N, C-alpha and C. Protein backbone atom coordinates (compact mmCIF):
# COMPACT_ATOMS: atom_id res chain seq x y z
N UNK A 1 90.25 143.39 55.91
CA UNK A 1 88.91 143.80 56.34
C UNK A 1 89.03 144.90 57.39
N UNK A 2 88.23 145.96 57.28
CA UNK A 2 88.30 147.06 58.21
C UNK A 2 87.74 146.65 59.56
N UNK A 3 88.24 147.35 60.63
CA UNK A 3 87.80 147.00 61.96
C UNK A 3 86.30 147.18 62.11
N UNK A 4 85.74 148.25 61.52
CA UNK A 4 84.31 148.49 61.63
C UNK A 4 83.52 147.34 61.02
N UNK A 5 84.04 146.79 59.90
CA UNK A 5 83.37 145.67 59.26
C UNK A 5 83.39 144.44 60.16
N UNK A 6 84.52 144.24 60.84
CA UNK A 6 84.63 143.10 61.75
C UNK A 6 83.67 143.25 62.92
N UNK A 7 83.54 144.48 63.43
CA UNK A 7 82.63 144.72 64.54
C UNK A 7 81.19 144.43 64.10
N UNK A 8 80.84 144.89 62.89
CA UNK A 8 79.51 144.65 62.36
C UNK A 8 79.24 143.17 62.19
N UNK A 9 80.27 142.44 61.69
CA UNK A 9 80.13 140.99 61.51
C UNK A 9 79.89 140.29 62.84
N UNK A 10 80.70 140.66 63.85
CA UNK A 10 80.56 140.04 65.16
C UNK A 10 79.19 140.33 65.75
N UNK A 11 78.72 141.57 65.60
CA UNK A 11 77.41 141.94 66.12
C UNK A 11 76.31 141.16 65.40
N UNK A 12 76.45 141.04 64.08
CA UNK A 12 75.45 140.30 63.30
C UNK A 12 75.40 138.84 63.70
N UNK A 13 76.59 138.24 63.93
CA UNK A 13 76.64 136.84 64.35
C UNK A 13 75.96 136.65 65.70
N UNK A 14 76.16 137.62 66.60
CA UNK A 14 75.53 137.53 67.92
C UNK A 14 74.02 137.62 67.81
N UNK A 15 73.54 138.52 66.95
CA UNK A 15 72.10 138.66 66.76
C UNK A 15 71.50 137.39 66.18
N UNK A 16 72.17 136.82 65.15
CA UNK A 16 71.67 135.58 64.54
C UNK A 16 71.60 134.46 65.57
N UNK A 17 72.62 134.38 66.42
CA UNK A 17 72.61 133.35 67.45
C UNK A 17 71.47 133.54 68.43
N UNK A 18 71.20 134.79 68.78
CA UNK A 18 70.10 135.08 69.69
C UNK A 18 68.77 134.70 69.08
N UNK A 19 68.59 135.03 67.80
CA UNK A 19 67.35 134.69 67.11
C UNK A 19 67.17 133.18 67.03
N UNK A 20 68.26 132.47 66.75
CA UNK A 20 68.18 131.02 66.60
C UNK A 20 67.72 130.35 67.89
N UNK A 21 68.29 130.79 69.00
CA UNK A 21 67.95 130.15 70.26
C UNK A 21 66.71 130.76 70.89
N UNK A 22 66.47 132.06 70.64
CA UNK A 22 65.34 132.73 71.27
C UNK A 22 64.05 132.57 70.51
N UNK A 23 64.11 132.47 69.18
CA UNK A 23 62.90 132.42 68.37
C UNK A 23 62.75 131.12 67.60
N UNK A 24 63.83 130.60 67.09
CA UNK A 24 63.73 129.45 66.21
C UNK A 24 63.55 128.13 66.92
N UNK A 25 63.96 128.03 68.16
CA UNK A 25 63.89 126.76 68.86
C UNK A 25 63.23 126.96 70.23
N UNK A 26 62.28 126.10 70.55
CA UNK A 26 61.65 126.15 71.87
C UNK A 26 62.64 125.62 72.89
N UNK A 27 62.77 126.33 73.99
CA UNK A 27 63.70 125.92 75.03
C UNK A 27 63.01 124.90 75.94
N UNK A 28 63.66 123.77 76.23
CA UNK A 28 63.05 122.77 77.11
C UNK A 28 62.96 123.29 78.54
N UNK A 29 61.92 122.85 79.26
CA UNK A 29 61.79 123.25 80.64
C UNK A 29 62.88 122.61 81.49
N UNK A 30 63.35 123.38 82.47
CA UNK A 30 64.38 122.85 83.35
C UNK A 30 63.76 121.86 84.33
N UNK A 31 64.45 120.80 84.55
CA UNK A 31 64.00 119.85 85.56
C UNK A 31 64.24 120.43 86.94
N UNK A 32 63.57 119.88 87.94
CA UNK A 32 63.76 120.38 89.29
C UNK A 32 65.20 120.22 89.74
N UNK A 33 65.81 119.07 89.31
CA UNK A 33 67.20 118.85 89.67
C UNK A 33 68.11 119.90 89.07
N UNK A 34 67.81 120.26 87.83
CA UNK A 34 68.62 121.27 87.15
C UNK A 34 68.46 122.62 87.82
N UNK A 35 67.21 122.93 88.26
CA UNK A 35 66.97 124.20 88.93
C UNK A 35 67.76 124.27 90.24
N UNK A 36 67.79 123.15 90.97
CA UNK A 36 68.54 123.13 92.23
C UNK A 36 70.02 123.34 91.98
N UNK A 37 70.53 122.65 90.93
CA UNK A 37 71.96 122.82 90.61
C UNK A 37 72.25 124.24 90.20
N UNK A 38 71.29 124.87 89.50
CA UNK A 38 71.48 126.24 89.06
C UNK A 38 71.52 127.18 90.24
N UNK A 39 70.69 126.89 91.27
CA UNK A 39 70.68 127.75 92.45
C UNK A 39 72.00 127.68 93.19
N UNK A 40 72.60 126.50 93.20
CA UNK A 40 73.86 126.34 93.93
C UNK A 40 75.05 126.89 93.15
N UNK A 41 74.93 126.96 91.83
CA UNK A 41 76.06 127.39 91.01
C UNK A 41 76.41 128.83 91.31
N UNK A 42 77.68 129.13 91.34
CA UNK A 42 78.15 130.48 91.57
C UNK A 42 78.26 131.22 90.23
N UNK A 43 77.96 132.50 90.18
CA UNK A 43 78.09 133.27 88.93
C UNK A 43 79.54 133.30 88.47
N UNK A 44 79.71 133.24 87.16
CA UNK A 44 81.06 133.28 86.60
C UNK A 44 81.70 134.63 86.87
N UNK A 45 83.00 134.61 87.02
CA UNK A 45 83.73 135.85 87.28
C UNK A 45 83.58 136.77 86.07
N UNK A 46 83.26 138.01 86.31
CA UNK A 46 83.05 138.97 85.22
C UNK A 46 84.35 139.20 84.47
N UNK A 47 84.20 139.46 83.16
CA UNK A 47 85.37 139.67 82.31
C UNK A 47 85.15 140.92 81.48
N UNK A 48 86.07 141.80 81.52
CA UNK A 48 85.96 143.05 80.76
C UNK A 48 87.07 143.10 79.72
N UNK A 49 86.68 143.29 78.45
CA UNK A 49 87.66 143.39 77.37
C UNK A 49 88.08 144.84 77.20
N UNK A 50 89.37 145.07 77.33
CA UNK A 50 89.89 146.42 77.19
C UNK A 50 90.03 146.79 75.72
N UNK A 51 90.11 148.08 75.42
CA UNK A 51 90.33 148.49 74.02
C UNK A 51 91.58 147.86 73.42
N UNK A 52 92.61 147.71 74.22
CA UNK A 52 93.86 147.10 73.72
C UNK A 52 93.64 145.64 73.35
N UNK A 53 92.89 144.92 74.18
CA UNK A 53 92.61 143.51 73.91
C UNK A 53 91.75 143.38 72.65
N UNK A 54 90.78 144.27 72.50
CA UNK A 54 89.92 144.22 71.33
C UNK A 54 90.72 144.52 70.07
N UNK A 55 91.60 145.48 70.16
CA UNK A 55 92.44 145.83 69.02
C UNK A 55 93.31 144.64 68.60
N UNK A 56 93.88 143.95 69.59
CA UNK A 56 94.72 142.78 69.30
C UNK A 56 93.89 141.66 68.68
N UNK A 57 92.65 141.47 69.17
CA UNK A 57 91.79 140.43 68.63
C UNK A 57 91.44 140.71 67.17
N UNK A 58 91.10 141.96 66.87
CA UNK A 58 90.76 142.31 65.50
C UNK A 58 91.97 142.17 64.57
N UNK A 59 93.15 142.51 65.10
CA UNK A 59 94.37 142.39 64.29
C UNK A 59 94.64 140.93 63.95
N UNK A 60 94.44 140.03 64.93
CA UNK A 60 94.67 138.61 64.67
C UNK A 60 93.62 138.06 63.70
N UNK A 61 92.37 138.49 63.85
CA UNK A 61 91.33 138.05 62.94
C UNK A 61 91.65 138.46 61.51
N UNK A 62 92.12 139.70 61.35
CA UNK A 62 92.46 140.19 60.01
C UNK A 62 93.63 139.40 59.42
N UNK A 63 94.61 139.08 60.27
CA UNK A 63 95.76 138.31 59.81
C UNK A 63 95.35 136.91 59.37
N UNK A 64 94.52 136.25 60.18
CA UNK A 64 94.08 134.89 59.85
C UNK A 64 93.19 134.87 58.61
N UNK A 65 92.53 135.99 58.30
CA UNK A 65 91.63 136.04 57.16
C UNK A 65 92.34 136.40 55.85
N UNK A 66 93.63 136.67 55.92
CA UNK A 66 94.38 137.10 54.74
C UNK A 66 95.04 135.90 54.04
N UNK A 67 94.73 135.68 52.75
CA UNK A 67 95.39 134.58 52.01
C UNK A 67 96.90 134.74 52.02
N UNK A 68 97.60 133.62 52.13
CA UNK A 68 99.06 133.68 52.19
C UNK A 68 99.72 132.61 51.35
N UNK A 69 100.90 132.19 51.79
CA UNK A 69 101.70 131.23 51.03
C UNK A 69 100.97 129.90 50.86
N UNK A 70 100.26 129.46 51.88
CA UNK A 70 99.54 128.20 51.77
C UNK A 70 98.49 128.23 50.68
N UNK A 71 97.83 129.38 50.53
CA UNK A 71 96.82 129.52 49.49
C UNK A 71 97.47 129.61 48.11
N UNK A 72 98.60 130.28 48.03
CA UNK A 72 99.28 130.44 46.75
C UNK A 72 99.67 129.10 46.14
N UNK A 73 99.91 128.11 46.99
CA UNK A 73 100.30 126.79 46.48
C UNK A 73 99.15 126.09 45.76
N UNK A 74 97.93 126.61 45.91
CA UNK A 74 96.79 126.06 45.19
C UNK A 74 96.63 126.66 43.80
N UNK A 75 97.43 127.70 43.50
CA UNK A 75 97.23 128.45 42.27
C UNK A 75 97.45 127.61 41.01
N UNK A 76 98.32 126.61 41.08
CA UNK A 76 98.61 125.80 39.89
C UNK A 76 97.41 124.99 39.43
N UNK A 77 96.41 124.83 40.29
CA UNK A 77 95.24 124.05 39.90
C UNK A 77 94.23 124.87 39.10
N UNK A 78 94.39 126.17 39.06
CA UNK A 78 93.42 127.04 38.39
C UNK A 78 93.45 126.82 36.88
N UNK A 79 92.27 126.67 36.26
CA UNK A 79 92.21 126.52 34.81
C UNK A 79 91.29 125.39 34.37
N UNK A 80 91.38 125.06 33.08
CA UNK A 80 90.56 123.99 32.49
C UNK A 80 91.40 122.72 32.37
N UNK A 81 90.77 121.57 32.61
CA UNK A 81 91.49 120.30 32.60
C UNK A 81 90.67 119.23 31.88
N UNK A 82 91.38 118.33 31.16
CA UNK A 82 90.79 117.11 30.64
C UNK A 82 90.98 116.03 31.70
N UNK A 83 89.97 115.18 31.88
CA UNK A 83 89.96 114.23 32.99
C UNK A 83 89.86 112.80 32.48
N UNK A 84 90.66 111.91 33.09
CA UNK A 84 90.54 110.47 32.89
C UNK A 84 90.48 109.82 34.27
N UNK A 85 89.39 109.10 34.53
CA UNK A 85 89.19 108.48 35.84
C UNK A 85 89.13 106.97 35.71
N UNK A 86 89.70 106.28 36.68
CA UNK A 86 89.68 104.81 36.68
C UNK A 86 89.65 104.31 38.12
N UNK A 87 88.63 103.51 38.45
CA UNK A 87 88.51 102.94 39.77
C UNK A 87 88.26 101.44 39.65
N UNK A 88 88.92 100.65 40.48
CA UNK A 88 88.79 99.21 40.41
C UNK A 88 89.74 98.61 39.38
N UNK A 89 89.69 97.29 39.24
CA UNK A 89 90.59 96.59 38.33
C UNK A 89 89.84 95.56 37.50
N UNK A 90 90.45 95.19 36.38
CA UNK A 90 89.92 94.12 35.54
C UNK A 90 88.51 94.38 35.05
N UNK A 91 87.68 93.32 35.09
CA UNK A 91 86.31 93.43 34.62
C UNK A 91 85.46 94.35 35.49
N UNK A 92 85.93 94.61 36.70
CA UNK A 92 85.18 95.45 37.61
C UNK A 92 85.60 96.92 37.53
N UNK A 93 86.53 97.23 36.63
CA UNK A 93 87.03 98.60 36.54
C UNK A 93 85.93 99.56 36.08
N UNK A 94 85.87 100.71 36.71
CA UNK A 94 84.94 101.76 36.34
C UNK A 94 85.76 102.93 35.80
N UNK A 95 85.55 103.29 34.54
CA UNK A 95 86.35 104.32 33.90
C UNK A 95 85.44 105.41 33.35
N UNK A 96 86.03 106.58 33.15
CA UNK A 96 85.26 107.68 32.58
C UNK A 96 86.18 108.80 32.15
N UNK A 97 85.72 109.61 31.22
CA UNK A 97 86.47 110.78 30.75
C UNK A 97 85.56 112.00 30.89
N UNK A 98 86.18 113.15 31.07
CA UNK A 98 85.39 114.35 31.22
C UNK A 98 86.25 115.60 31.33
N UNK A 99 85.75 116.57 32.07
CA UNK A 99 86.43 117.86 32.20
C UNK A 99 86.36 118.36 33.64
N UNK A 100 87.24 119.29 33.96
CA UNK A 100 87.19 119.97 35.24
C UNK A 100 87.61 121.42 35.04
N UNK A 101 86.88 122.32 35.65
CA UNK A 101 87.25 123.74 35.64
C UNK A 101 87.45 124.19 37.08
N UNK A 102 88.61 124.79 37.35
CA UNK A 102 88.94 125.25 38.70
C UNK A 102 89.12 126.76 38.68
N UNK A 103 88.49 127.44 39.62
CA UNK A 103 88.61 128.90 39.70
C UNK A 103 88.77 129.33 41.15
N UNK A 104 89.29 130.53 41.34
CA UNK A 104 89.35 131.11 42.68
C UNK A 104 87.97 131.62 43.08
N UNK A 105 87.66 131.56 44.37
CA UNK A 105 86.46 132.19 44.90
C UNK A 105 86.80 132.89 46.22
N UNK A 106 85.96 133.83 46.61
CA UNK A 106 86.08 134.53 47.88
C UNK A 106 87.47 135.15 48.07
N UNK A 107 87.88 135.91 47.05
CA UNK A 107 89.14 136.64 47.19
C UNK A 107 90.36 135.77 47.25
N UNK A 108 90.37 134.69 46.47
CA UNK A 108 91.50 133.75 46.43
C UNK A 108 91.77 133.07 47.76
N UNK A 109 90.70 132.89 48.53
CA UNK A 109 90.81 132.13 49.77
C UNK A 109 90.55 130.65 49.55
N UNK A 110 89.76 130.32 48.52
CA UNK A 110 89.41 128.94 48.23
C UNK A 110 89.41 128.73 46.72
N UNK A 111 89.57 127.47 46.32
CA UNK A 111 89.37 127.11 44.93
C UNK A 111 88.05 126.36 44.81
N UNK A 112 87.38 126.57 43.69
CA UNK A 112 86.11 125.90 43.39
C UNK A 112 86.33 125.05 42.16
N UNK A 113 86.21 123.73 42.29
CA UNK A 113 86.42 122.80 41.17
C UNK A 113 85.08 122.24 40.73
N UNK A 114 84.79 122.40 39.44
CA UNK A 114 83.57 121.85 38.84
C UNK A 114 84.00 120.66 37.98
N UNK A 115 83.64 119.46 38.43
CA UNK A 115 84.15 118.21 37.87
C UNK A 115 83.02 117.46 37.18
N UNK A 116 83.23 117.03 35.92
CA UNK A 116 82.19 116.32 35.19
C UNK A 116 82.78 115.15 34.41
N UNK A 117 82.10 114.01 34.47
CA UNK A 117 82.41 112.86 33.63
C UNK A 117 81.22 112.64 32.71
N UNK A 118 81.50 112.42 31.43
CA UNK A 118 80.42 112.24 30.45
C UNK A 118 79.59 111.00 30.75
N UNK A 119 80.26 109.91 31.10
CA UNK A 119 79.56 108.65 31.36
C UNK A 119 80.36 107.86 32.38
N UNK A 120 79.78 107.70 33.57
CA UNK A 120 80.46 106.94 34.62
C UNK A 120 79.42 106.01 35.25
N UNK A 121 79.64 104.71 35.10
CA UNK A 121 78.70 103.71 35.57
C UNK A 121 77.33 103.90 34.91
N UNK A 122 77.35 104.27 33.63
CA UNK A 122 76.12 104.36 32.86
C UNK A 122 75.35 105.65 32.98
N UNK A 123 75.94 106.67 33.60
CA UNK A 123 75.24 107.94 33.73
C UNK A 123 76.23 109.09 33.86
N UNK A 124 75.79 110.30 33.53
CA UNK A 124 76.67 111.46 33.73
C UNK A 124 76.97 111.64 35.21
N UNK A 125 78.18 112.14 35.49
CA UNK A 125 78.60 112.33 36.87
C UNK A 125 79.06 113.78 37.03
N UNK A 126 78.61 114.41 38.11
CA UNK A 126 78.96 115.81 38.37
C UNK A 126 79.34 115.95 39.83
N UNK A 127 80.51 116.54 40.07
CA UNK A 127 80.97 116.77 41.44
C UNK A 127 81.53 118.17 41.61
N UNK A 128 81.52 118.67 42.84
CA UNK A 128 82.05 119.99 43.16
C UNK A 128 82.93 119.88 44.40
N UNK A 129 84.10 120.50 44.33
CA UNK A 129 85.02 120.51 45.47
C UNK A 129 85.37 121.95 45.84
N UNK A 130 85.37 122.24 47.12
CA UNK A 130 85.86 123.51 47.65
C UNK A 130 87.11 123.19 48.46
N UNK A 131 88.24 123.78 48.09
CA UNK A 131 89.51 123.48 48.75
C UNK A 131 90.16 124.77 49.23
N UNK A 132 90.73 124.73 50.41
CA UNK A 132 91.40 125.91 50.95
C UNK A 132 92.50 125.53 51.93
N UNK A 133 93.08 126.57 52.51
CA UNK A 133 94.15 126.40 53.49
C UNK A 133 93.77 127.19 54.73
N UNK A 134 93.79 126.53 55.89
CA UNK A 134 93.42 127.19 57.13
C UNK A 134 94.64 127.84 57.78
N UNK A 135 94.60 129.15 57.93
CA UNK A 135 95.67 129.85 58.64
C UNK A 135 95.64 129.54 60.13
N UNK A 136 94.55 128.96 60.61
CA UNK A 136 94.43 128.62 62.03
C UNK A 136 95.12 127.30 62.34
N UNK A 137 94.88 126.29 61.50
CA UNK A 137 95.41 124.95 61.80
C UNK A 137 96.65 124.60 60.98
N UNK A 138 96.94 125.38 59.91
CA UNK A 138 98.07 125.06 59.05
C UNK A 138 97.83 123.84 58.19
N UNK A 139 96.55 123.52 57.94
CA UNK A 139 96.18 122.36 57.14
C UNK A 139 95.40 122.77 55.89
N UNK A 140 95.50 121.92 54.88
CA UNK A 140 94.63 122.07 53.72
C UNK A 140 93.32 121.36 54.05
N UNK A 141 92.22 121.93 53.57
CA UNK A 141 90.90 121.38 53.84
C UNK A 141 90.12 121.30 52.54
N UNK A 142 89.31 120.27 52.39
CA UNK A 142 88.53 120.12 51.17
C UNK A 142 87.16 119.53 51.50
N UNK A 143 86.14 120.03 50.81
CA UNK A 143 84.78 119.52 50.94
C UNK A 143 84.31 119.09 49.55
N UNK A 144 83.70 117.90 49.45
CA UNK A 144 83.30 117.32 48.16
C UNK A 144 81.84 116.88 48.20
N UNK A 145 81.10 117.23 47.12
CA UNK A 145 79.73 116.74 46.95
C UNK A 145 79.57 116.30 45.50
N UNK A 146 78.69 115.32 45.23
CA UNK A 146 78.50 114.87 43.86
C UNK A 146 77.11 114.28 43.67
N UNK A 147 76.82 113.90 42.42
CA UNK A 147 75.49 113.43 42.06
C UNK A 147 75.26 111.96 42.40
N UNK A 148 76.26 111.27 42.93
CA UNK A 148 76.09 109.87 43.31
C UNK A 148 75.93 109.71 44.82
N UNK A 149 75.72 110.82 45.51
CA UNK A 149 75.59 110.76 46.96
C UNK A 149 74.82 111.98 47.46
N UNK A 150 74.33 111.88 48.69
CA UNK A 150 73.76 113.04 49.36
C UNK A 150 74.59 113.38 50.60
N UNK A 151 75.81 112.87 50.64
CA UNK A 151 76.68 113.03 51.80
C UNK A 151 77.85 113.94 51.44
N UNK A 152 78.12 114.93 52.28
CA UNK A 152 79.29 115.80 52.09
C UNK A 152 80.52 115.14 52.69
N UNK A 153 81.55 114.94 51.87
CA UNK A 153 82.80 114.35 52.35
C UNK A 153 83.82 115.46 52.61
N UNK A 154 84.54 115.36 53.70
CA UNK A 154 85.56 116.34 54.02
C UNK A 154 86.90 115.64 54.24
N UNK A 155 87.98 116.36 53.88
CA UNK A 155 89.32 115.83 54.05
C UNK A 155 90.24 116.94 54.53
N UNK A 156 91.28 116.58 55.24
CA UNK A 156 92.30 117.52 55.67
C UNK A 156 93.67 116.90 55.43
N UNK A 157 94.68 117.76 55.25
CA UNK A 157 96.01 117.22 55.02
C UNK A 157 97.07 118.28 54.90
N UNK A 158 98.24 117.85 54.50
CA UNK A 158 99.40 118.74 54.40
C UNK A 158 100.09 118.55 53.06
N UNK A 159 100.85 119.57 52.65
CA UNK A 159 101.61 119.51 51.41
C UNK A 159 103.10 119.51 51.75
N UNK A 160 103.81 118.57 51.16
CA UNK A 160 105.26 118.48 51.37
C UNK A 160 105.93 118.19 50.04
N UNK A 161 106.90 119.02 49.68
CA UNK A 161 107.63 118.86 48.41
C UNK A 161 106.68 118.81 47.21
N UNK A 162 105.62 119.62 47.27
CA UNK A 162 104.68 119.69 46.17
C UNK A 162 103.65 118.59 46.13
N UNK A 163 103.71 117.64 47.07
CA UNK A 163 102.75 116.53 47.12
C UNK A 163 101.74 116.80 48.23
N UNK A 164 100.46 116.82 47.86
CA UNK A 164 99.39 117.06 48.83
C UNK A 164 98.77 115.73 49.25
N UNK A 165 98.81 115.44 50.54
CA UNK A 165 98.23 114.21 51.07
C UNK A 165 97.10 114.58 52.01
N UNK A 166 95.89 114.08 51.69
CA UNK A 166 94.73 114.40 52.50
C UNK A 166 94.02 113.11 52.92
N UNK A 167 93.49 113.12 54.12
CA UNK A 167 92.77 111.96 54.64
C UNK A 167 91.40 112.40 55.13
N UNK A 168 90.47 111.46 55.11
CA UNK A 168 89.11 111.74 55.57
C UNK A 168 88.33 110.46 55.61
N UNK A 169 87.01 110.58 55.48
CA UNK A 169 86.15 109.40 55.48
C UNK A 169 85.17 109.50 54.33
N UNK A 170 84.82 108.35 53.79
CA UNK A 170 83.77 108.27 52.77
C UNK A 170 82.58 107.53 53.37
N UNK A 171 81.40 107.81 52.87
CA UNK A 171 80.20 107.16 53.38
C UNK A 171 79.79 106.04 52.43
N UNK A 172 79.60 104.86 52.97
CA UNK A 172 79.18 103.69 52.19
C UNK A 172 77.93 103.10 52.82
N UNK A 173 77.24 102.18 52.13
CA UNK A 173 76.07 101.53 52.74
C UNK A 173 76.40 100.81 54.05
N UNK A 174 77.69 100.50 54.25
CA UNK A 174 78.10 99.82 55.47
C UNK A 174 78.59 100.79 56.54
N UNK A 175 78.53 102.10 56.23
CA UNK A 175 78.97 103.10 57.19
C UNK A 175 80.18 103.86 56.69
N UNK A 176 80.80 104.63 57.58
CA UNK A 176 81.96 105.42 57.21
C UNK A 176 83.19 104.55 57.01
N UNK A 177 84.02 104.95 56.03
CA UNK A 177 85.24 104.20 55.75
C UNK A 177 86.38 105.19 55.54
N UNK A 178 87.57 104.91 56.08
CA UNK A 178 88.70 105.82 55.90
C UNK A 178 89.12 105.89 54.43
N UNK A 179 89.53 107.08 54.00
CA UNK A 179 90.05 107.23 52.64
C UNK A 179 91.21 108.22 52.66
N UNK A 180 92.06 108.07 51.66
CA UNK A 180 93.21 108.95 51.52
C UNK A 180 93.37 109.32 50.05
N UNK A 181 93.79 110.56 49.79
CA UNK A 181 94.03 111.02 48.43
C UNK A 181 95.40 111.70 48.38
N UNK A 182 96.22 111.27 47.44
CA UNK A 182 97.55 111.84 47.26
C UNK A 182 97.60 112.52 45.89
N UNK A 183 97.88 113.81 45.88
CA UNK A 183 97.92 114.59 44.64
C UNK A 183 99.36 114.91 44.27
N UNK A 184 99.77 114.49 43.08
CA UNK A 184 101.10 114.78 42.55
C UNK A 184 100.95 115.52 41.24
N UNK A 185 102.00 116.25 40.85
CA UNK A 185 101.94 117.00 39.60
C UNK A 185 103.26 116.89 38.85
N UNK A 186 103.12 116.94 37.53
CA UNK A 186 104.28 116.92 36.64
C UNK A 186 103.98 117.89 35.50
N UNK A 187 104.35 119.14 35.71
CA UNK A 187 104.05 120.16 34.71
C UNK A 187 102.55 120.39 34.60
N UNK A 188 102.00 120.18 33.41
CA UNK A 188 100.58 120.38 33.18
C UNK A 188 99.77 119.09 33.32
N UNK A 189 100.33 118.11 34.02
CA UNK A 189 99.61 116.86 34.31
C UNK A 189 99.58 116.65 35.82
N UNK A 190 98.37 116.42 36.32
CA UNK A 190 98.18 116.16 37.75
C UNK A 190 97.55 114.78 37.91
N UNK A 191 97.81 114.14 39.05
CA UNK A 191 97.21 112.84 39.34
C UNK A 191 96.74 112.78 40.78
N UNK A 192 95.48 112.41 40.95
CA UNK A 192 94.94 112.09 42.28
C UNK A 192 94.91 110.57 42.41
N UNK A 193 95.61 110.05 43.41
CA UNK A 193 95.60 108.61 43.67
C UNK A 193 94.83 108.37 44.96
N UNK A 194 93.82 107.49 44.88
CA UNK A 194 92.93 107.25 46.00
C UNK A 194 93.25 105.92 46.68
N UNK A 195 93.12 105.92 48.00
CA UNK A 195 93.38 104.72 48.79
C UNK A 195 92.23 104.50 49.78
N UNK A 196 91.88 103.23 49.98
CA UNK A 196 90.88 102.86 50.98
C UNK A 196 91.59 102.30 52.21
N UNK A 197 91.11 102.69 53.39
CA UNK A 197 91.69 102.20 54.63
C UNK A 197 91.18 100.81 54.98
N UNK A 198 92.09 99.94 55.37
CA UNK A 198 91.74 98.58 55.76
C UNK A 198 91.64 98.47 57.29
N UNK A 199 90.94 97.44 57.78
CA UNK A 199 90.79 97.27 59.23
C UNK A 199 92.12 97.18 59.98
N UNK A 200 93.17 96.66 59.30
CA UNK A 200 94.46 96.53 59.98
C UNK A 200 95.28 97.83 59.94
N UNK A 201 94.69 98.90 59.39
CA UNK A 201 95.39 100.18 59.33
C UNK A 201 96.16 100.43 58.06
N UNK A 202 96.23 99.45 57.17
CA UNK A 202 96.95 99.63 55.91
C UNK A 202 96.05 100.34 54.89
N UNK A 203 96.67 100.75 53.78
CA UNK A 203 95.95 101.44 52.71
C UNK A 203 96.07 100.66 51.42
N UNK A 204 94.97 100.53 50.69
CA UNK A 204 94.94 99.83 49.41
C UNK A 204 94.49 100.80 48.33
N UNK A 205 95.28 100.89 47.26
CA UNK A 205 94.91 101.81 46.18
C UNK A 205 93.59 101.39 45.54
N UNK A 206 92.70 102.36 45.36
CA UNK A 206 91.38 102.06 44.82
C UNK A 206 91.11 102.72 43.48
N UNK A 207 91.90 103.72 43.11
CA UNK A 207 91.66 104.37 41.83
C UNK A 207 92.55 105.58 41.60
N UNK A 208 92.48 106.11 40.39
CA UNK A 208 93.25 107.30 40.03
C UNK A 208 92.41 108.21 39.14
N UNK A 209 92.68 109.49 39.24
CA UNK A 209 92.13 110.47 38.31
C UNK A 209 93.30 111.30 37.79
N UNK A 210 93.44 111.34 36.47
CA UNK A 210 94.53 112.09 35.84
C UNK A 210 93.95 113.32 35.15
N UNK A 211 94.58 114.46 35.40
CA UNK A 211 94.14 115.73 34.82
C UNK A 211 95.23 116.26 33.89
N UNK A 212 94.86 116.59 32.67
CA UNK A 212 95.79 117.20 31.71
C UNK A 212 95.27 118.58 31.38
N UNK A 213 96.11 119.59 31.57
CA UNK A 213 95.65 120.96 31.36
C UNK A 213 95.25 121.19 29.91
N UNK A 214 94.06 121.74 29.69
CA UNK A 214 93.58 122.05 28.35
C UNK A 214 94.24 123.32 27.85
N UNK A 215 94.37 123.42 26.53
CA UNK A 215 95.03 124.58 25.94
C UNK A 215 94.34 125.87 26.36
N UNK A 216 92.99 125.85 26.44
CA UNK A 216 92.27 127.07 26.80
C UNK A 216 92.41 127.41 28.28
N UNK A 217 92.98 126.49 29.06
CA UNK A 217 93.14 126.75 30.49
C UNK A 217 94.50 127.30 30.86
N UNK A 218 95.42 127.33 29.92
CA UNK A 218 96.76 127.85 30.22
C UNK A 218 96.70 129.37 30.41
N UNK A 219 97.53 129.83 31.36
CA UNK A 219 97.60 131.25 31.60
C UNK A 219 96.58 131.76 32.59
N UNK A 220 95.77 130.86 33.20
CA UNK A 220 94.76 131.28 34.16
C UNK A 220 95.22 131.09 35.60
N UNK A 221 96.45 130.70 35.78
CA UNK A 221 96.91 130.28 37.10
C UNK A 221 96.60 131.33 38.17
N UNK A 222 96.87 132.57 37.89
CA UNK A 222 96.71 133.59 38.93
C UNK A 222 95.40 134.34 38.82
N UNK A 223 94.90 134.48 37.63
CA UNK A 223 93.69 135.26 37.48
C UNK A 223 92.44 134.51 37.82
N UNK A 224 92.40 133.16 37.64
CA UNK A 224 91.24 132.37 37.95
C UNK A 224 90.18 132.46 36.88
């Protein structure tokens, strides 16, 4: 991204913030106690950003915004997949089959997964995941939404030896619950194994989703 573009972005963000606080929200009146504390407070020491400091800041922003090795490790997920899902055991097992299409978005900074099951618990199921790698934290991040909830679930994790382990929370009628997902791959077959967190800190497997690459999805790894 060019420096001028970054300057424009920063200026635009500042304007939006000003509008949000200046126009969009009424500011509460200060209490007398707050006014007294404000009178006693000393002004913050002035800070001047030099051209050299600004140049360094823009250079770091550009570096952090550039996809790298962490993003490239997501490339194997790009393409079309056949899906088999199974949650629970025995008579309580919930199973479904469907498809998933994964593509790059925003200049190969994130993957967008469109996940569908034909029939899951008596109805069609549709979910969307946005997954990426943060150059700031060195973690993989994922956001998930679907037709069986109005809650956005987020997870973070790391990849080691090709295995991606992510943890987060799921929302249930009883409140938030810890969850973990471990993604393994074997050629054109991938498996997500899900675990629920127990009160004692242990993890219990709750389900699996297996993805088999469709013939029409081969060769899309890099192009998306």
